[in-house]
């Protein structure tokens, strides 16, 4: 029994989570620009000052580390994970047979562990982006000191670096929410005694051809070699529970 169309992909949660992360990112980069502006004012394009380079990079990495390690930021990431869990529960409650079979919840301890691990992974991935951006800025500074680039041009290059990573943050949001939703599906279905699932796509033009070919194929949850919906990068496919013929006849 297929789920309603509105429960195929938690688009609303993805948008809210992406906006939350980008707000934090923008605030961090605003602080970065203050430090960078101070650095550029004393920039000597004819001489590489290793100490100055070290100090500016330490400042940028420290600002990002402090912001992304704040309890308030981590709490926001955790809330996004909890929202996925609530959305998943609503999905199963929208289909009577799934609700009756007990797909609507998972043990709190299991959920806490799952969301906790997901939160840690998300924070690590987000911090990796800021670290790679800091390295790109460092390389830009170094090249500019060699080439004699003007500070005006350096500011233009800097703007390009800082504006070019929104897509990477959004990719993390899409991918990680899909993975969490997939893991919750697996736990709930196995807890309810479901041993097999039917591969389902969201049915739009963005679905990979390889995944289109899997549409309707039955896989076993216990088969570690079987592909799992939502686990490949940005995969929005989902697992439809494979119910017995007797149950299907009752609720058809």
C-alpha atoms as a PDB file:
ATOM      1  CA  UNK A   1       0.000   0.000   0.000  1.00  0.00           C
ATOM      2  CA  UNK A   2       1.584   3.204  -1.191  1.00  0.00           C
ATOM      3  CA  UNK A   3       1.893   6.227   1.049  1.00  0.00           C
ATOM      4  CA  UNK A   4       0.223   9.552   0.111  1.00  0.00           C
ATOM      5  CA  UNK A   5       2.197  11.763  -2.268  1.00  0.00           C
ATOM      6  CA  UNK A   6       2.880  14.435   0.382  1.00  0.00           C
ATOM      7  CA  UNK A   7       4.817  11.889   2.443  1.00  0.00           C
ATOM      8  CA  UNK A   8       7.251  10.786  -0.251  1.00  0.00           C
ATOM      9  CA  UNK A   9       9.852  13.472   0.509  1.00  0.00           C
ATOM     10  CA  UNK A  10      10.135  15.796   3.573  1.00  0.00           C
ATOM     11  CA  UNK A  11      10.693  18.888   1.425  1.00  0.00           C
ATOM     12  CA  UNK A  12       9.464  21.337   4.048  1.00  0.00           C
ATOM     13  CA  UNK A  13      11.893  20.068   6.670  1.00  0.00           C
ATOM     14  CA  UNK A  14      14.760  20.243   4.176  1.00  0.00           C
ATOM     15  CA  UNK A  15      13.979  23.877   3.369  1.00  0.00           C
ATOM     16  CA  UNK A  16      13.784  24.858   7.042  1.00  0.00           C
ATOM     17  CA  UNK A  17      16.965  23.005   7.936  1.00  0.00           C
ATOM     18  CA  UNK A  18      18.878  24.484   5.003  1.00  0.00           C
ATOM     19  CA  UNK A  19      17.745  27.998   5.943  1.00  0.00           C
ATOM     20  CA  UNK A  20      18.884  27.390   9.532  1.00  0.00           C
ATOM     21  CA  UNK A  21      22.361  26.241   8.512  1.00  0.00           C
ATOM     22  CA  UNK A  22      22.806  29.031   5.957  1.00  0.00           C
ATOM     23  CA  UNK A  23      21.889  31.660   8.562  1.00  0.00           C
ATOM     24  CA  UNK A  24      24.635  30.347  10.835  1.00  0.00           C
ATOM     25  CA  UNK A  25      27.056  30.170   7.939  1.00  0.00           C
ATOM     26  CA  UNK A  26      26.320  33.757   6.910  1.00  0.00           C
ATOM     27  CA  UNK A  27      26.864  34.967  10.474  1.00  0.00           C
ATOM     28  CA  UNK A  28      30.224  33.187  10.613  1.00  0.00           C
ATOM     29  CA  UNK A  29      31.342  34.605   7.284  1.00  0.00           C
ATOM     30  CA  UNK A  30      30.329  38.074   8.448  1.00  0.00           C
ATOM     31  CA  UNK A  31      32.745  37.675  11.374  1.00  0.00           C
ATOM     32  CA  UNK A  32      35.349  36.328   8.957  1.00  0.00           C
ATOM     33  CA  UNK A  33      35.088  39.446   6.806  1.00  0.00           C
ATOM     34  CA  UNK A  34      35.860  41.651   9.805  1.00  0.00           C
ATOM     35  CA  UNK A  35      39.063  39.703  10.467  1.00  0.00           C
ATOM     36  CA  UNK A  36      39.960  39.553   6.781  1.00  0.00           C
ATOM     37  CA  UNK A  37      39.418  43.273   6.310  1.00  0.00           C
ATOM     38  CA  UNK A  38      41.769  43.942   9.196  1.00  0.00           C
ATOM     39  CA  UNK A  39      44.310  41.612   7.594  1.00  0.00           C
ATOM     40  CA  UNK A  40      44.030  43.195   4.140  1.00  0.00           C
ATOM     41  CA  UNK A  41      44.542  46.698   5.480  1.00  0.00           C
ATOM     42  CA  UNK A  42      48.015  45.660   6.614  1.00  0.00           C
ATOM     43  CA  UNK A  43      48.674  43.407   3.655  1.00  0.00           C
ATOM     44  CA  UNK A  44      52.105  43.876   2.078  1.00  0.00           C
ATOM     45  CA  UNK A  45      51.911  42.476  -1.430  1.00  0.00           C
ATOM     46  CA  UNK A  46      55.695  42.465  -1.806  1.00  0.00           C
ATOM     47  CA  UNK A  47      56.449  40.271   1.172  1.00  0.00           C
ATOM     48  CA  UNK A  48      54.981  37.044   2.547  1.00  0.00           C
ATOM     49  CA  UNK A  49      54.440  37.433   6.231  1.00  0.00           C
ATOM     50  CA  UNK A  50      54.126  33.874   7.553  1.00  0.00           C
ATOM     51  CA  UNK A  51      53.063  35.046  10.986  1.00  0.00           C
ATOM     52  CA  UNK A  52      50.292  37.175   9.527  1.00  0.00           C
ATOM     53  CA  UNK A  53      49.084  34.252   7.427  1.00  0.00           C
ATOM     54  CA  UNK A  54      49.099  31.964  10.461  1.00  0.00           C
ATOM     55  CA  UNK A  55      47.226  34.444  12.603  1.00  0.00           C
ATOM     56  CA  UNK A  56      44.441  35.115  10.096  1.00  0.00           C
ATOM     57  CA  UNK A  57      43.882  31.415   9.429  1.00  0.00           C
ATOM     58  CA  UNK A  58      43.805  30.609  13.144  1.00  0.00           C
ATOM     59  CA  UNK A  59      41.256  33.379  13.600  1.00  0.00           C
ATOM     60  CA  UNK A  60      38.980  32.098  10.802  1.00  0.00           C
ATOM     61  CA  UNK A  61      39.081  28.490  11.963  1.00  0.00           C
ATOM     62  CA  UNK A  62      38.530  29.500  15.579  1.00  0.00           C
ATOM     63  CA  UNK A  63      35.469  31.593  14.706  1.00  0.00           C
ATOM     64  CA  UNK A  64      33.928  28.720  12.735  1.00  0.00           C
ATOM     65  CA  UNK A  65      34.763  26.151  15.400  1.00  0.00           C
ATOM     66  CA  UNK A  66      33.220  28.247  18.162  1.00  0.00           C
ATOM     67  CA  UNK A  67      30.027  28.880  16.169  1.00  0.00           C
ATOM     68  CA  UNK A  68      29.443  25.309  15.009  1.00  0.00           C
ATOM     69  CA  UNK A  69      30.218  23.880  18.441  1.00  0.00           C
ATOM     70  CA  UNK A  70      27.751  26.140  20.232  1.00  0.00           C
ATOM     71  CA  UNK A  71      25.077  24.156  22.096  1.00  0.00           C
ATOM     72  CA  UNK A  72      22.442  26.355  20.447  1.00  0.00           C
ATOM     73  CA  UNK A  73      23.588  25.366  16.959  1.00  0.00           C
ATOM     74  CA  UNK A  74      23.832  21.676  17.822  1.00  0.00           C
ATOM     75  CA  UNK A  75      20.366  21.833  19.384  1.00  0.00           C
ATOM     76  CA  UNK A  76      18.994  23.239  16.132  1.00  0.00           C
ATOM     77  CA  UNK A  77      20.514  20.354  14.190  1.00  0.00           C
ATOM     78  CA  UNK A  78      19.031  17.884  16.668  1.00  0.00           C
ATOM     79  CA  UNK A  79      15.606  19.511  16.307  1.00  0.00           C
ATOM     80  CA  UNK A  80      15.816  18.996  12.554  1.00  0.00           C
ATOM     81  CA  UNK A  81      16.455  15.306  13.180  1.00  0.00           C
ATOM     82  CA  UNK A  82      13.499  15.113  15.565  1.00  0.00           C
ATOM     83  CA  UNK A  83      11.322  16.782  12.928  1.00  0.00           C
ATOM     84  CA  UNK A  84      12.198  14.012  10.477  1.00  0.00           C
ATOM     85  CA  UNK A  85      11.090  11.465  13.068  1.00  0.00           C
ATOM     86  CA  UNK A  86       7.744  13.231  13.595  1.00  0.00           C
ATOM     87  CA  UNK A  87       7.206  13.542   9.844  1.00  0.00           C
ATOM     88  CA  UNK A  88       7.942   9.838   9.451  1.00  0.00           C
ATOM     89  CA  UNK A  89       5.382   9.011  12.131  1.00  0.00           C
ATOM     90  CA  UNK A  90       2.775  11.138  10.365  1.00  0.00           C
ATOM     91  CA  UNK A  91       3.588   9.276   7.157  1.00  0.00           C
ATOM     92  CA  UNK A  92       2.790   5.896   8.647  1.00  0.00           C
ATOM     93  CA  UNK A  93      -0.237   7.193  10.550  1.00  0.00           C
ATOM     94  CA  UNK A  94      -1.687   8.412   7.233  1.00  0.00           C
ATOM     95  CA  UNK A  95      -2.174   4.783   6.134  1.00  0.00           C
ATOM     96  CA  UNK A  96      -4.549   2.844   8.394  1.00  0.00           C
ATOM     97  CA  UNK A  97      -2.913  -0.549   8.036  1.00  0.00           C
ATOM     98  CA  UNK A  98       0.536   0.812   8.834  1.00  0.00           C
ATOM     99  CA  UNK A  99      -0.785   2.522  11.940  1.00  0.00           C
ATOM    100  CA  UNK A 100      -2.514  -0.650  13.116  1.00  0.00           C
ATOM    101  CA  UNK A 101       0.634  -2.696  12.558  1.00  0.00           C
ATOM    102  CA  UNK A 102       2.601  -0.398  14.876  1.00  0.00           C
ATOM    103  CA  UNK A 103       4.765   1.541  12.424  1.00  0.00           C
ATOM    104  CA  UNK A 104       4.131   4.825  14.200  1.00  0.00           C
ATOM    105  CA  UNK A 105       6.986   4.877  16.714  1.00  0.00           C
ATOM    106  CA  UNK A 106      10.348   3.486  17.764  1.00  0.00           C
ATOM    107  CA  UNK A 107      11.752   3.057  21.292  1.00  0.00           C
ATOM    108  CA  UNK A 108      12.895   6.454  22.686  1.00  0.00           C
ATOM    109  CA  UNK A 109      16.359   5.090  23.491  1.00  0.00           C
ATOM    110  CA  UNK A 110      16.806   3.879  19.925  1.00  0.00           C
ATOM    111  CA  UNK A 111      15.563   7.185  18.528  1.00  0.00           C
ATOM    112  CA  UNK A 112      17.839   9.192  20.825  1.00  0.00           C
ATOM    113  CA  UNK A 113      20.856   7.178  19.712  1.00  0.00           C
ATOM    114  CA  UNK A 114      19.919   7.431  16.039  1.00  0.00           C
ATOM    115  CA  UNK A 115      19.308  11.193  16.106  1.00  0.00           C
ATOM    116  CA  UNK A 116      22.387  11.750  18.272  1.00  0.00           C
ATOM    117  CA  UNK A 117      24.634   9.967  15.785  1.00  0.00           C
ATOM    118  CA  UNK A 118      22.971  11.831  12.921  1.00  0.00           C
ATOM    119  CA  UNK A 119      23.529  15.170  14.659  1.00  0.00           C
ATOM    120  CA  UNK A 120      27.225  14.465  15.214  1.00  0.00           C
ATOM    121  CA  UNK A 121      27.659  13.458  11.577  1.00  0.00           C
ATOM    122  CA  UNK A 122      25.890  16.605  10.356  1.00  0.00           C
ATOM    123  CA  UNK A 123      27.975  18.926  12.525  1.00  0.00           C
ATOM    124  CA  UNK A 124      31.159  17.236  11.303  1.00  0.00           C
ATOM    125  CA  UNK A 125      30.172  17.591   7.637  1.00  0.00           C
ATOM    126  CA  UNK A 126      29.182  21.235   8.095  1.00  0.00           C
ATOM    127  CA  UNK A 127      32.440  22.061   9.847  1.00  0.00           C
ATOM    128  CA  UNK A 128      34.359  20.372   7.030  1.00  0.00           C
ATOM    129  CA  UNK A 129      32.924  22.887   4.567  1.00  0.00           C
ATOM    130  CA  UNK A 130      34.063  25.879   6.619  1.00  0.00           C
ATOM    131  CA  UNK A 131      37.502  24.313   7.007  1.00  0.00           C
ATOM    132  CA  UNK A 132      37.816  23.795   3.251  1.00  0.00           C
ATOM    133  CA  UNK A 133      36.675  27.371   2.660  1.00  0.00           C
ATOM    134  CA  UNK A 134      39.322  28.643   5.063  1.00  0.00           C
ATOM    135  CA  UNK A 135      41.959  26.679   3.142  1.00  0.00           C
ATOM    136  CA  UNK A 136      40.726  28.181  -0.133  1.00  0.00           C
ATOM    137  CA  UNK A 137      41.058  31.662   1.360  1.00  0.00           C
ATOM    138  CA  UNK A 138      44.540  30.841   2.625  1.00  0.00           C
ATOM    139  CA  UNK A 139      45.586  29.696  -0.847  1.00  0.00           C
ATOM    140  CA  UNK A 140      44.091  32.843  -2.368  1.00  0.00           C
ATOM    141  CA  UNK A 141      46.089  35.003   0.060  1.00  0.00           C
ATOM    142  CA  UNK A 142      49.274  33.111  -0.704  1.00  0.00           C
ATOM    143  CA  UNK A 143      48.825  33.316  -4.486  1.00  0.00           C
ATOM    144  CA  UNK A 144      47.999  37.000  -4.252  1.00  0.00           C
ATOM    145  CA  UNK A 145      51.148  37.731  -2.297  1.00  0.00           C
ATOM    146  CA  UNK A 146      53.171  36.030  -5.028  1.00  0.00           C
ATOM    147  CA  UNK A 147      51.310  37.583  -7.968  1.00  0.00           C
ATOM    148  CA  UNK A 148      51.050  41.071  -6.513  1.00  0.00           C
ATOM    149  CA  UNK A 149      47.246  41.016  -6.657  1.00  0.00           C
ATOM    150  CA  UNK A 150      45.587  44.200  -5.448  1.00  0.00           C
ATOM    151  CA  UNK A 151      43.515  44.064  -2.279  1.00  0.00           C
ATOM    152  CA  UNK A 152      40.502  45.194  -4.347  1.00  0.00           C
ATOM    153  CA  UNK A 153      40.776  42.135  -6.573  1.00  0.00           C
ATOM    154  CA  UNK A 154      41.408  39.941  -3.534  1.00  0.00           C
ATOM    155  CA  UNK A 155      38.137  41.123  -2.034  1.00  0.00           C
ATOM    156  CA  UNK A 156      36.340  40.188  -5.249  1.00  0.00           C
ATOM    157  CA  UNK A 157      37.922  36.731  -5.209  1.00  0.00           C
ATOM    158  CA  UNK A 158      37.011  36.361  -1.563  1.00  0.00           C
ATOM    159  CA  UNK A 159      33.382  37.174  -2.312  1.00  0.00           C
ATOM    160  CA  UNK A 160      33.328  34.432  -4.931  1.00  0.00           C
ATOM    161  CA  UNK A 161      34.765  31.893  -2.508  1.00  0.00           C
ATOM    162  CA  UNK A 162      32.283  32.675   0.251  1.00  0.00           C
ATOM    163  CA  UNK A 163      29.238  32.742  -2.025  1.00  0.00           C
ATOM    164  CA  UNK A 164      30.115  29.526  -3.810  1.00  0.00           C
ATOM    165  CA  UNK A 165      29.380  27.039  -1.054  1.00  0.00           C
ATOM    166  CA  UNK A 166      25.610  27.345  -0.480  1.00  0.00           C
ATOM    167  CA  UNK A 167      25.027  24.382  -2.788  1.00  0.00           C
ATOM    168  CA  UNK A 168      27.369  22.234  -0.686  1.00  0.00           C
ATOM    169  CA  UNK A 169      25.435  23.011   2.486  1.00  0.00           C
ATOM    170  CA  UNK A 170      22.135  22.236   0.746  1.00  0.00           C
ATOM    171  CA  UNK A 171      23.539  18.948  -0.546  1.00  0.00           C
ATOM    172  CA  UNK A 172      24.374  17.943   3.021  1.00  0.00           C
ATOM    173  CA  UNK A 173      20.839  18.829   4.121  1.00  0.00           C
ATOM    174  CA  UNK A 174      19.147  16.799   1.379  1.00  0.00           C
ATOM    175  CA  UNK A 175      21.458  13.830   1.707  1.00  0.00           C
ATOM    176  CA  UNK A 176      21.462  13.592   5.491  1.00  0.00           C
ATOM    177  CA  UNK A 177      17.711  13.992   5.914  1.00  0.00           C
ATOM    178  CA  UNK A 178      17.140  11.295   3.283  1.00  0.00           C
ATOM    179  CA  UNK A 179      19.505   8.961   5.123  1.00  0.00           C
ATOM    180  CA  UNK A 180      17.878   9.586   8.500  1.00  0.00           C
ATOM    181  CA  UNK A 181      14.391   9.051   7.100  1.00  0.00           C
ATOM    182  CA  UNK A 182      15.578   5.828   5.458  1.00  0.00           C
ATOM    183  CA  UNK A 183      17.082   4.554   8.709  1.00  0.00           C
ATOM    184  CA  UNK A 184      13.878   5.335  10.613  1.00  0.00           C
ATOM    185  CA  UNK A 185      11.890   3.424   7.967  1.00  0.00           C
ATOM    186  CA  UNK A 186      14.143   0.397   8.387  1.00  0.00           C
ATOM    187  CA  UNK A 187      13.920   0.400  12.187  1.00  0.00           C
ATOM    188  CA  UNK A 188      10.142   0.838  12.257  1.00  0.00           C
ATOM    189  CA  UNK A 189       9.444  -1.797   9.640  1.00  0.00           C
ATOM    190  CA  UNK A 190      11.740  -4.392  11.173  1.00  0.00           C
ATOM    191  CA  UNK A 191      10.296  -3.657  14.628  1.00  0.00           C
ATOM    192  CA  UNK A 192       6.827  -4.361  13.188  1.00  0.00           C
ATOM    193  CA  UNK A 193       8.029  -7.696  11.824  1.00  0.00           C
ATOM    194  CA  UNK A 194       8.369  -6.625   8.183  1.00  0.00           C
ATOM    195  CA  UNK A 195      11.097  -8.689   6.536  1.00  0.00           C
ATOM    196  CA  UNK A 196      10.858  -7.320   2.986  1.00  0.00           C
ATOM    197  CA  UNK A 197      10.302  -3.963   1.349  1.00  0.00           C
ATOM    198  CA  UNK A 198       9.329  -2.741  -2.101  1.00  0.00           C
ATOM    199  CA  UNK A 199      11.622  -0.155  -3.689  1.00  0.00           C
ATOM    200  CA  UNK A 200       9.669   2.993  -4.545  1.00  0.00           C
ATOM    201  CA  UNK A 201      10.817   6.186  -6.251  1.00  0.00           C
ATOM    202  CA  UNK A 202       9.256   9.638  -5.858  1.00  0.00           C
ATOM    203  CA  UNK A 203       8.329   9.390  -9.536  1.00  0.00           C
ATOM    204  CA  UNK A 204       9.763  12.601 -10.949  1.00  0.00           C
ATOM    205  CA  UNK A 205      12.287  13.354 -13.687  1.00  0.00           C
ATOM    206  CA  UNK A 206      15.186  13.683 -11.232  1.00  0.00           C
ATOM    207  CA  UNK A 207      15.164  10.012 -10.235  1.00  0.00           C
ATOM    208  CA  UNK A 208      18.335   8.189 -11.318  1.00  0.00           C
ATOM    209  CA  UNK A 209      17.816   5.718 -14.168  1.00  0.00           C
ATOM    210  CA  UNK A 210      19.359   2.992 -12.000  1.00  0.00           C
ATOM    211  CA  UNK A 211      16.782   3.686  -9.311  1.00  0.00           C
ATOM    212  CA  UNK A 212      13.923   3.822 -11.812  1.00  0.00           C
ATOM    213  CA  UNK A 213      14.869   0.270 -12.753  1.00  0.00           C
ATOM    214  CA  UNK A 214      14.444  -0.773  -9.109  1.00  0.00           C
ATOM    215  CA  UNK A 215      10.879   0.555  -8.892  1.00  0.00           C
ATOM    216  CA  UNK A 216       8.614  -2.221  -7.618  1.00  0.00           C
ATOM    217  CA  UNK A 217      11.422  -4.702  -6.898  1.00  0.00           C
ATOM    218  CA  UNK A 218      11.190  -6.540  -3.570  1.00  0.00           C
ATOM    219  CA  UNK A 219      14.271  -6.687  -1.338  1.00  0.00           C
ATOM    220  CA  UNK A 220      14.947  -8.260   2.047  1.00  0.00           C
ATOM    221  CA  UNK A 221      15.911  -6.000   4.944  1.00  0.00           C
ATOM    222  CA  UNK A 222      18.268  -8.686   6.252  1.00  0.00           C
ATOM    223  CA  UNK A 223      20.189  -8.827   2.972  1.00  0.00           C
ATOM    224  CA  UNK A 224      23.199  -6.606   3.614  1.00  0.00           C
ATOM    225  CA  UNK A 225      24.087  -6.665  -0.086  1.00  0.00           C
ATOM    226  CA  UNK A 226      20.683  -5.363  -1.160  1.00  0.00           C
ATOM    227  CA  UNK A 227      20.459  -1.639  -1.988  1.00  0.00           C
ATOM    228  CA  UNK A 228      18.588   0.449   0.569  1.00  0.00           C
ATOM    229  CA  UNK A 229      16.468   3.436  -0.486  1.00  0.00           C
ATOM    230  CA  UNK A 230      17.728   6.810   0.705  1.00  0.00           C
ATOM    231  CA  UNK A 231      21.273   5.677   1.410  1.00  0.00           C
ATOM    232  CA  UNK A 232      22.993   6.779  -1.785  1.00  0.00           C
ATOM    233  CA  UNK A 233      23.865  10.475  -2.078  1.00  0.00           C
ATOM    234  CA  UNK A 234      20.683  12.534  -2.404  1.00  0.00           C
ATOM    235  CA  UNK A 235      18.546   9.461  -3.026  1.00  0.00           C
ATOM    236  CA  UNK A 236      14.870  10.257  -2.301  1.00  0.00           C
ATOM    237  CA  UNK A 237      13.567   6.738  -2.900  1.00  0.00           C
ATOM    238  CA  UNK A 238      11.788   5.015  -0.032  1.00  0.00           C
ATOM    239  CA  UNK A 239      10.936   1.546   1.233  1.00  0.00           C
ATOM    240  CA  UNK A 240       7.316   0.492   1.011  1.00  0.00           C
ATOM    241  CA  UNK A 241       6.587  -2.313   3.530  1.00  0.00           C
ATOM    242  CA  UNK A 242       5.913  -5.666   1.859  1.00  0.00           C
ATOM    243  CA  UNK A 243       2.765  -6.886   3.571  1.00  0.00           C
ATOM    244  CA  UNK A 244       1.360 -10.388   3.411  1.00  0.00           C
ATOM    245  CA  UNK A 245      -1.340 -11.134   0.856  1.00  0.00           C
ATOM    246  CA  UNK A 246      -3.875 -11.720   3.667  1.00  0.00           C
ATOM    247  CA  UNK A 247      -3.312  -8.241   5.117  1.00  0.00           C
ATOM    248  CA  UNK A 248      -3.470  -6.633   1.681  1.00  0.00           C
ATOM    249  CA  UNK A 249      -6.807  -8.341   0.970  1.00  0.00           C
ATOM    250  CA  UNK A 250      -8.285  -7.101   4.233  1.00  0.00           C
ATOM    251  CA  UNK A 251      -7.377  -3.471   3.680  1.00  0.00           C
ATOM    252  CA  UNK A 252      -7.818  -3.200  -0.085  1.00  0.00           C
END
